[in-house]
Amino acid sequence: MTSNVSQNYPYTSETEADRAKLIASLVAARDDLAGKLANETTPLDASERWWVWKCPTKGCAGLLHAAGYAAEKHAVYVVCDGTCGQTFLR
């Protein structure tokens, strides 16, 4: 079994209110994130809770939070709240 198998499974979950608040704070803190989300995502469906994953970037202890659906692919578009600040498809 490879070491990244566990990264395909959710780590925890968060409420919609917590998710929305965190994404708003990340957008406010990162100059390029608002434009990236506007161009690369569509809005999420209504849901009470969303999955959270551990960031797969080596050396980053961040968590990945749902920010929308990928505009051109069937996937959840996530943003890392850690030092790498990257986006991923889940």
PDB file of N, CA and C in Angstrom:
ATOM      1  N   MET A   1       0.842  -1.170   0.000  1.00  0.00           N
ATOM      2  CA  MET A   1       0.000   0.000   0.000  1.00  0.00           C
ATOM      3  C   MET A   1       0.892   1.239   0.000  1.00  0.00           C
ATOM      4  N   THR A   2       0.620   2.178  -0.855  1.00  0.00           N
ATOM      5  CA  THR A   2       1.437   3.381  -0.938  1.00  0.00           C
ATOM      6  C   THR A   2       1.078   4.349   0.177  1.00  0.00           C
ATOM      7  N   SER A   3       1.970   5.290   0.441  1.00  0.00           N
ATOM      8  CA  SER A   3       1.770   6.226   1.543  1.00  0.00           C
ATOM      9  C   SER A   3       0.690   7.255   1.245  1.00  0.00           C
ATOM     10  N   ASN A   4       0.355   7.482  -0.013  1.00  0.00           N
ATOM     11  CA  ASN A   4      -0.640   8.508  -0.320  1.00  0.00           C
ATOM     12  C   ASN A   4      -2.065   7.958  -0.409  1.00  0.00           C
ATOM     13  N   VAL A   5      -2.257   6.682  -0.126  1.00  0.00           N
ATOM     14  CA  VAL A   5      -3.605   6.119  -0.146  1.00  0.00           C
ATOM     15  C   VAL A   5      -4.484   6.818   0.873  1.00  0.00           C
ATOM     16  N   SER A   6      -3.957   7.087   2.057  1.00  0.00           N
ATOM     17  CA  SER A   6      -4.756   7.733   3.096  1.00  0.00           C
ATOM     18  C   SER A   6      -5.164   9.141   2.712  1.00  0.00           C
ATOM     19  N   GLN A   7      -4.449   9.785   1.814  1.00  0.00           N
ATOM     20  CA  GLN A   7      -4.777  11.145   1.412  1.00  0.00           C
ATOM     21  C   GLN A   7      -6.020  11.193   0.546  1.00  0.00           C
ATOM     22  N   ASN A   8      -6.488  10.053   0.061  1.00  0.00           N
ATOM     23  CA  ASN A   8      -7.704  10.019  -0.734  1.00  0.00           C
ATOM     24  C   ASN A   8      -8.949   9.973   0.130  1.00  0.00           C
ATOM     25  N   TYR A   9      -8.767   9.746   1.422  1.00  0.00           N
ATOM     26  CA  TYR A   9      -9.883   9.656   2.338  1.00  0.00           C
ATOM     27  C   TYR A   9      -9.969  10.922   3.176  1.00  0.00           C
ATOM     28  N   PRO A  10     -11.173  11.366   3.490  1.00  0.00           N
ATOM     29  CA  PRO A  10     -11.311  12.579   4.307  1.00  0.00           C
ATOM     30  C   PRO A  10     -10.652  12.420   5.675  1.00  0.00           C
ATOM     31  N   TYR A  11     -10.171  13.525   6.192  1.00  0.00           N
ATOM     32  CA  TYR A  11      -9.529  13.566   7.502  1.00  0.00           C
ATOM     33  C   TYR A  11     -10.565  13.879   8.585  1.00  0.00           C
ATOM     34  N   THR A  12     -11.453  14.813   8.290  1.00  0.00           N
ATOM     35  CA  THR A  12     -12.493  15.239   9.219  1.00  0.00           C
ATOM     36  C   THR A  12     -13.583  15.936   8.403  1.00  0.00           C
ATOM     37  N   SER A  13     -14.502  16.595   9.077  1.00  0.00           N
ATOM     38  CA  SER A  13     -15.512  17.392   8.385  1.00  0.00           C
ATOM     39  C   SER A  13     -15.703  18.694   9.136  1.00  0.00           C
ATOM     40  N   GLU A  14     -16.367  19.638   8.485  1.00  0.00           N
ATOM     41  CA  GLU A  14     -16.640  20.935   9.106  1.00  0.00           C
ATOM     42  C   GLU A  14     -18.024  21.402   8.688  1.00  0.00           C
ATOM     43  N   THR A  15     -18.614  22.267   9.481  1.00  0.00           N
ATOM     44  CA  THR A  15     -19.939  22.785   9.148  1.00  0.00           C
ATOM     45  C   THR A  15     -19.833  23.739   7.963  1.00  0.00           C
ATOM     46  N   GLU A  16     -20.939  23.962   7.304  1.00  0.00           N
ATOM     47  CA  GLU A  16     -20.980  24.914   6.192  1.00  0.00           C
ATOM     48  C   GLU A  16     -20.564  26.298   6.671  1.00  0.00           C
ATOM     49  N   ALA A  17     -21.030  26.696   7.840  1.00  0.00           N
ATOM     50  CA  ALA A  17     -20.682  28.026   8.364  1.00  0.00           C
ATOM     51  C   ALA A  17     -19.174  28.151   8.590  1.00  0.00           C
ATOM     52  N   ASP A  18     -18.559  27.126   9.185  1.00  0.00           N
ATOM     53  CA  ASP A  18     -17.111  27.150   9.414  1.00  0.00           C
ATOM     54  C   ASP A  18     -16.344  27.152   8.097  1.00  0.00           C
ATOM     55  N   ARG A  19     -16.808  26.337   7.127  1.00  0.00           N
ATOM     56  CA  ARG A  19     -16.157  26.263   5.821  1.00  0.00           C
ATOM     57  C   ARG A  19     -16.199  27.610   5.122  1.00  0.00           C
ATOM     58  N   ALA A  20     -17.385  28.207   5.075  1.00  0.00           N
ATOM     59  CA  ALA A  20     -17.556  29.493   4.389  1.00  0.00           C
ATOM     60  C   ALA A  20     -16.714  30.593   5.044  1.00  0.00           C
ATOM     61  N   LYS A  21     -16.667  30.603   6.356  1.00  0.00           N
ATOM     62  CA  LYS A  21     -15.870  31.607   7.076  1.00  0.00           C
ATOM     63  C   LYS A  21     -14.386  31.441   6.775  1.00  0.00           C
ATOM     64  N   LEU A  22     -13.905  30.202   6.767  1.00  0.00           N
ATOM     65  CA  LEU A  22     -12.500  29.945   6.498  1.00  0.00           C
ATOM     66  C   LEU A  22     -12.127  30.302   5.058  1.00  0.00           C
ATOM     67  N   ILE A  23     -12.961  29.914   4.102  1.00  0.00           N
ATOM     68  CA  ILE A  23     -12.674  30.246   2.702  1.00  0.00           C
ATOM     69  C   ILE A  23     -12.665  31.763   2.516  1.00  0.00           C
ATOM     70  N   ALA A  24     -13.601  32.467   3.140  1.00  0.00           N
ATOM     71  CA  ALA A  24     -13.624  33.934   3.051  1.00  0.00           C
ATOM     72  C   ALA A  24     -12.339  34.541   3.617  1.00  0.00           C
ATOM     73  N   SER A  25     -11.834  33.999   4.716  1.00  0.00           N
ATOM     74  CA  SER A  25     -10.596  34.527   5.297  1.00  0.00           C
ATOM     75  C   SER A  25      -9.388  34.226   4.402  1.00  0.00           C
ATOM     76  N   LEU A  26      -9.374  33.053   3.767  1.00  0.00           N
ATOM     77  CA  LEU A  26      -8.282  32.729   2.843  1.00  0.00           C
ATOM     78  C   LEU A  26      -8.316  33.637   1.614  1.00  0.00           C
ATOM     79  N   VAL A  27      -9.512  33.907   1.095  1.00  0.00           N
ATOM     80  CA  VAL A  27      -9.654  34.800  -0.061  1.00  0.00           C
ATOM     81  C   VAL A  27      -9.165  36.203   0.306  1.00  0.00           C
ATOM     82  N   ALA A  28      -9.499  36.669   1.505  1.00  0.00           N
ATOM     83  CA  ALA A  28      -9.068  37.997   1.947  1.00  0.00           C
ATOM     84  C   ALA A  28      -7.554  38.073   2.139  1.00  0.00           C
ATOM     85  N   ALA A  29      -6.943  36.957   2.534  1.00  0.00           N
ATOM     86  CA  ALA A  29      -5.516  36.947   2.832  1.00  0.00           C
ATOM     87  C   ALA A  29      -4.618  36.708   1.612  1.00  0.00           C
ATOM     88  N   ARG A  30      -5.181  36.135   0.548  1.00  0.00           N
ATOM     89  CA  ARG A  30      -4.368  35.786  -0.629  1.00  0.00           C
ATOM     90  C   ARG A  30      -4.860  36.565  -1.848  1.00  0.00           C
ATOM     91  N   ASP A  31      -3.975  37.364  -2.404  1.00  0.00           N
ATOM     92  CA  ASP A  31      -4.327  38.246  -3.516  1.00  0.00           C
ATOM     93  C   ASP A  31      -4.895  37.531  -4.731  1.00  0.00           C
ATOM     94  N   ASP A  32      -4.362  36.386  -5.076  1.00  0.00           N
ATOM     95  CA  ASP A  32      -4.744  35.705  -6.307  1.00  0.00           C
ATOM     96  C   ASP A  32      -5.899  34.722  -6.157  1.00  0.00           C
ATOM     97  N   LEU A  33      -6.312  34.419  -4.937  1.00  0.00           N
ATOM     98  CA  LEU A  33      -7.287  33.355  -4.724  1.00  0.00           C
ATOM     99  C   LEU A  33      -8.690  33.701  -5.215  1.00  0.00           C
ATOM    100  N   ALA A  34      -9.156  34.910  -5.027  1.00  0.00           N
ATOM    101  CA  ALA A  34     -10.513  35.283  -5.456  1.00  0.00           C
ATOM    102  C   ALA A  34     -10.676  35.104  -6.963  1.00  0.00           C
ATOM    103  N   GLY A  35      -9.724  35.567  -7.736  1.00  0.00           N
ATOM    104  CA  GLY A  35      -9.782  35.426  -9.190  1.00  0.00           C
ATOM    105  C   GLY A  35      -9.688  33.974  -9.624  1.00  0.00           C
ATOM    106  N   LYS A  36      -8.842  33.219  -8.953  1.00  0.00           N
ATOM    107  CA  LYS A  36      -8.684  31.801  -9.278  1.00  0.00           C
ATOM    108  C   LYS A  36      -9.981  31.044  -9.026  1.00  0.00           C
ATOM    109  N   LEU A  37     -10.615  31.292  -7.898  1.00  0.00           N
ATOM    110  CA  LEU A  37     -11.880  30.631  -7.595  1.00  0.00           C
ATOM    111  C   LEU A  37     -12.977  31.061  -8.572  1.00  0.00           C
ATOM    112  N   ALA A  38     -13.010  32.331  -8.921  1.00  0.00           N
ATOM    113  CA  ALA A  38     -14.021  32.828  -9.862  1.00  0.00           C
ATOM    114  C   ALA A  38     -13.870  32.177 -11.236  1.00  0.00           C
ATOM    115  N   ASN A  39     -12.641  31.949 -11.666  1.00  0.00           N
ATOM    116  CA  ASN A  39     -12.384  31.379 -12.991  1.00  0.00           C
ATOM    117  C   ASN A  39     -12.443  29.860 -13.049  1.00  0.00           C
ATOM    118  N   GLU A  40     -12.148  29.199 -11.936  1.00  0.00           N
ATOM    119  CA  GLU A  40     -11.978  27.753 -11.969  1.00  0.00           C
ATOM    120  C   GLU A  40     -13.047  26.955 -11.227  1.00  0.00           C
ATOM    121  N   THR A  41     -14.020  27.630 -10.587  1.00  0.00           N
ATOM    122  CA  THR A  41     -15.021  26.895  -9.815  1.00  0.00           C
ATOM    123  C   THR A  41     -16.445  27.353 -10.106  1.00  0.00           C
ATOM    124  N   THR A  42     -17.381  26.485  -9.712  1.00  0.00           N
ATOM    125  CA  THR A  42     -18.801  26.821  -9.659  1.00  0.00           C
ATOM    126  C   THR A  42     -19.220  26.651  -8.201  1.00  0.00           C
ATOM    127  N   PRO A  43     -20.330  27.266  -7.788  1.00  0.00           N
ATOM    128  CA  PRO A  43     -20.734  27.191  -6.380  1.00  0.00           C
ATOM    129  C   PRO A  43     -21.035  25.767  -5.915  1.00  0.00           C
ATOM    130  N   LEU A  44     -20.833  25.561  -4.627  1.00  0.00           N
ATOM    131  CA  LEU A  44     -21.158  24.285  -4.001  1.00  0.00           C
ATOM    132  C   LEU A  44     -22.668  24.163  -3.804  1.00  0.00           C
ATOM    133  N   ASP A  45     -23.139  22.935  -3.680  1.00  0.00           N
ATOM    134  CA  ASP A  45     -24.540  22.683  -3.338  1.00  0.00           C
ATOM    135  C   ASP A  45     -24.763  23.030  -1.873  1.00  0.00           C
ATOM    136  N   ALA A  46     -26.021  23.157  -1.507  1.00  0.00           N
ATOM    137  CA  ALA A  46     -26.354  23.367  -0.099  1.00  0.00           C
ATOM    138  C   ALA A  46     -26.057  22.080   0.666  1.00  0.00           C
ATOM    139  N   SER A  47     -25.313  22.198   1.748  1.00  0.00           N
ATOM    140  CA  SER A  47     -24.966  21.049   2.567  1.00  0.00           C
ATOM    141  C   SER A  47     -24.662  21.545   3.974  1.00  0.00           C
ATOM    142  N   GLU A  48     -24.982  20.740   4.965  1.00  0.00           N
ATOM    143  CA  GLU A  48     -24.703  21.129   6.347  1.00  0.00           C
ATOM    144  C   GLU A  48     -23.252  20.911   6.731  1.00  0.00           C
ATOM    145  N   ARG A  49     -22.586  19.932   6.113  1.00  0.00           N
ATOM    146  CA  ARG A  49     -21.194  19.616   6.433  1.00  0.00           C
ATOM    147  C   ARG A  49     -20.411  19.324   5.156  1.00  0.00           C
ATOM    148  N   TRP A  50     -19.102  19.583   5.225  1.00  0.00           N
ATOM    149  CA  TRP A  50     -18.198  19.317   4.103  1.00  0.00           C
ATOM    150  C   TRP A  50     -16.977  18.580   4.618  1.00  0.00           C
ATOM    151  N   TRP A  51     -16.428  17.702   3.769  1.00  0.00           N
ATOM    152  CA  TRP A  51     -15.224  16.966   4.130  1.00  0.00           C
ATOM    153  C   TRP A  51     -14.012  17.882   4.122  1.00  0.00           C
ATOM    154  N   VAL A  52     -13.028  17.529   4.924  1.00  0.00           N
ATOM    155  CA  VAL A  52     -11.736  18.213   4.993  1.00  0.00           C
ATOM    156  C   VAL A  52     -10.668  17.133   4.848  1.00  0.00           C
ATOM    157  N   TRP A  53      -9.643  17.405   4.033  1.00  0.00           N
ATOM    158  CA  TRP A  53      -8.550  16.459   3.802  1.00  0.00           C
ATOM    159  C   TRP A  53      -7.239  17.055   4.280  1.00  0.00           C
ATOM    160  N   LYS A  54      -6.249  16.202   4.548  1.00  0.00           N
ATOM    161  CA  LYS A  54      -4.897  16.677   4.857  1.00  0.00           C
ATOM    162  C   LYS A  54      -4.219  17.057   3.545  1.00  0.00           C
ATOM    163  N   CYS A  55      -3.426  18.093   3.592  1.00  0.00           N
ATOM    164  CA  CYS A  55      -2.708  18.540   2.401  1.00  0.00           C
ATOM    165  C   CYS A  55      -1.623  17.521   2.037  1.00  0.00           C
ATOM    166  N   PRO A  56      -1.538  17.142   0.744  1.00  0.00           N
ATOM    167  CA  PRO A  56      -0.529  16.171   0.317  1.00  0.00           C
ATOM    168  C   PRO A  56       0.851  16.769   0.045  1.00  0.00           C
ATOM    169  N   THR A  57       0.982  18.092   0.133  1.00  0.00           N
ATOM    170  CA  THR A  57       2.259  18.732  -0.153  1.00  0.00           C
ATOM    171  C   THR A  57       3.271  18.413   0.949  1.00  0.00           C
ATOM    172  N   LYS A  58       4.417  17.928   0.556  1.00  0.00           N
ATOM    173  CA  LYS A  58       5.466  17.563   1.515  1.00  0.00           C
ATOM    174  C   LYS A  58       5.851  18.788   2.347  1.00  0.00           C
ATOM    175  N   GLY A  59       5.843  18.624   3.654  1.00  0.00           N
ATOM    176  CA  GLY A  59       6.228  19.700   4.557  1.00  0.00           C
ATOM    177  C   GLY A  59       5.112  20.652   4.929  1.00  0.00           C
ATOM    178  N   CYS A  60       3.946  20.506   4.353  1.00  0.00           N
ATOM    179  CA  CYS A  60       2.813  21.380   4.665  1.00  0.00           C
ATOM    180  C   CYS A  60       1.868  20.642   5.608  1.00  0.00           C
ATOM    181  N   ALA A  61       1.555  21.247   6.717  1.00  0.00           N
ATOM    182  CA  ALA A  61       0.669  20.632   7.712  1.00  0.00           C
ATOM    183  C   ALA A  61      -0.767  21.128   7.562  1.00  0.00           C
ATOM    184  N   GLY A  62      -1.073  21.783   6.451  1.00  0.00           N
ATOM    185  CA  GLY A  62      -2.394  22.367   6.248  1.00  0.00           C
ATOM    186  C   GLY A  62      -3.487  21.350   5.969  1.00  0.00           C
ATOM    187  N   LEU A  63      -4.701  21.864   5.956  1.00  0.00           N
ATOM    188  CA  LEU A  63      -5.884  21.076   5.631  1.00  0.00           C
ATOM    189  C   LEU A  63      -6.531  21.646   4.384  1.00  0.00           C
ATOM    190  N   LEU A  64      -7.188  20.788   3.618  1.00  0.00           N
ATOM    191  CA  LEU A  64      -7.848  21.189   2.375  1.00  0.00           C
ATOM    192  C   LEU A  64      -9.338  21.370   2.622  1.00  0.00           C
ATOM    193  N   HIS A  65      -9.857  22.542   2.270  1.00  0.00           N
ATOM    194  CA  HIS A  65     -11.255  22.894   2.500  1.00  0.00           C
ATOM    195  C   HIS A  65     -11.963  23.112   1.167  1.00  0.00           C
ATOM    196  N   ALA A  66     -13.192  22.639   1.072  1.00  0.00           N
ATOM    197  CA  ALA A  66     -13.982  22.777  -0.158  1.00  0.00           C
ATOM    198  C   ALA A  66     -14.250  24.252  -0.449  1.00  0.00           C
ATOM    199  N   ALA A  67     -13.954  24.656  -1.687  1.00  0.00           N
ATOM    200  CA  ALA A  67     -14.173  26.043  -2.092  1.00  0.00           C
ATOM    201  C   ALA A  67     -15.164  26.138  -3.244  1.00  0.00           C
ATOM    202  N   GLY A  68     -15.516  25.025  -3.861  1.00  0.00           N
ATOM    203  CA  GLY A  68     -16.446  24.997  -4.985  1.00  0.00           C
ATOM    204  C   GLY A  68     -16.277  23.700  -5.748  1.00  0.00           C
ATOM    205  N   TYR A  69     -16.984  23.607  -6.859  1.00  0.00           N
ATOM    206  CA  TYR A  69     -16.805  22.471  -7.763  1.00  0.00           C
ATOM    207  C   TYR A  69     -15.928  22.933  -8.913  1.00  0.00           C
ATOM    208  N   ALA A  70     -15.064  22.062  -9.374  1.00  0.00           N
ATOM    209  CA  ALA A  70     -14.218  22.395 -10.517  1.00  0.00           C
ATOM    210  C   ALA A  70     -15.098  22.706 -11.715  1.00  0.00           C
ATOM    211  N   ALA A  71     -14.826  23.803 -12.388  1.00  0.00           N
ATOM    212  CA  ALA A  71     -15.666  24.253 -13.496  1.00  0.00           C
ATOM    213  C   ALA A  71     -15.643  23.289 -14.675  1.00  0.00           C
ATOM    214  N   GLU A  72     -14.517  22.657 -14.927  1.00  0.00           N
ATOM    215  CA  GLU A  72     -14.396  21.822 -16.117  1.00  0.00           C
ATOM    216  C   GLU A  72     -14.241  20.336 -15.827  1.00  0.00           C
ATOM    217  N   LYS A  73     -14.234  19.940 -14.568  1.00  0.00           N
ATOM    218  CA  LYS A  73     -14.074  18.532 -14.218  1.00  0.00           C
ATOM    219  C   LYS A  73     -15.056  18.179 -13.113  1.00  0.00           C
ATOM    220  N   HIS A  74     -15.318  16.908 -12.968  1.00  0.00           N
ATOM    221  CA  HIS A  74     -16.226  16.441 -11.925  1.00  0.00           C
ATOM    222  C   HIS A  74     -15.423  16.210 -10.646  1.00  0.00           C
ATOM    223  N   ALA A  75     -15.230  17.270  -9.867  1.00  0.00           N
ATOM    224  CA  ALA A  75     -14.436  17.163  -8.644  1.00  0.00           C
ATOM    225  C   ALA A  75     -14.724  18.342  -7.738  1.00  0.00           C
ATOM    226  N   VAL A  76     -14.455  18.155  -6.458  1.00  0.00           N
ATOM    227  CA  VAL A  76     -14.519  19.256  -5.499  1.00  0.00           C
ATOM    228  C   VAL A  76     -13.185  19.984  -5.566  1.00  0.00           C
ATOM    229  N   TYR A  77     -13.244  21.289  -5.658  1.00  0.00           N
ATOM    230  CA  TYR A  77     -12.068  22.149  -5.723  1.00  0.00           C
ATOM    231  C   TYR A  77     -11.758  22.574  -4.289  1.00  0.00           C
ATOM    232  N   VAL A  78     -10.556  22.263  -3.806  1.00  0.00           N
ATOM    233  CA  VAL A  78     -10.205  22.543  -2.421  1.00  0.00           C
ATOM    234  C   VAL A  78      -9.010  23.491  -2.339  1.00  0.00           C
ATOM    235  N   VAL A  79      -8.942  24.202  -1.219  1.00  0.00           N
ATOM    236  CA  VAL A  79      -7.880  25.166  -0.968  1.00  0.00           C
ATOM    237  C   VAL A  79      -7.179  24.774   0.323  1.00  0.00           C
ATOM    238  N   CYS A  80      -5.846  24.804   0.311  1.00  0.00           N
ATOM    239  CA  CYS A  80      -5.065  24.492   1.500  1.00  0.00           C
ATOM    240  C   CYS A  80      -4.974  25.727   2.390  1.00  0.00           C
ATOM    241  N   ASP A  81      -5.192  25.519   3.693  1.00  0.00           N
ATOM    242  CA  ASP A  81      -5.072  26.624   4.643  1.00  0.00           C
ATOM    243  C   ASP A  81      -3.672  26.711   5.244  1.00  0.00           C
ATOM    244  N   GLY A  82      -2.769  25.869   4.780  1.00  0.00           N
ATOM    245  CA  GLY A  82      -1.407  25.822   5.314  1.00  0.00           C
ATOM    246  C   GLY A  82      -0.425  26.691   4.562  1.00  0.00           C
ATOM    247  N   THR A  83       0.836  26.417   4.781  1.00  0.00           N
ATOM    248  CA  THR A  83       1.909  27.238   4.219  1.00  0.00           C
ATOM    249  C   THR A  83       2.027  27.140   2.715  1.00  0.00           C
ATOM    250  N   CYS A  84       1.639  26.011   2.111  1.00  0.00           N
ATOM    251  CA  CYS A  84       1.777  25.879   0.652  1.00  0.00           C
ATOM    252  C   CYS A  84       0.733  26.702  -0.086  1.00  0.00           C
ATOM    253  N   GLY A  85      -0.474  26.836   0.472  1.00  0.00           N
ATOM    254  CA  GLY A  85      -1.521  27.651  -0.133  1.00  0.00           C
ATOM    255  C   GLY A  85      -2.009  27.160  -1.492  1.00  0.00           C
ATOM    256  N   GLN A  86      -1.799  25.913  -1.802  1.00  0.00           N
ATOM    257  CA  GLN A  86      -2.165  25.391  -3.114  1.00  0.00           C
ATOM    258  C   GLN A  86      -3.645  25.022  -3.191  1.00  0.00           C
ATOM    259  N   THR A  87      -4.103  24.798  -4.426  1.00  0.00           N
ATOM    260  CA  THR A  87      -5.450  24.306  -4.668  1.00  0.00           C
ATOM    261  C   THR A  87      -5.334  22.918  -5.296  1.00  0.00           C
ATOM    262  N   PHE A  88      -6.357  22.096  -5.066  1.00  0.00           N
ATOM    263  CA  PHE A  88      -6.367  20.725  -5.568  1.00  0.00           C
ATOM    264  C   PHE A  88      -7.776  20.343  -5.970  1.00  0.00           C
ATOM    265  N   LEU A  89      -7.884  19.262  -6.722  1.00  0.00           N
ATOM    266  CA  LEU A  89      -9.179  18.665  -7.029  1.00  0.00           C
ATOM    267  C   LEU A  89      -9.304  17.399  -6.202  1.00  0.00           C
ATOM    268  N   ARG A  90     -10.459  17.181  -5.617  1.00  0.00           N
ATOM    269  CA  ARG A  90     -10.703  15.993  -4.793  1.00  0.00           C
ATOM    270  C   ARG A  90     -11.818  15.203  -5.391  1.00  0.00           C
TER     271      ARG A  90
END
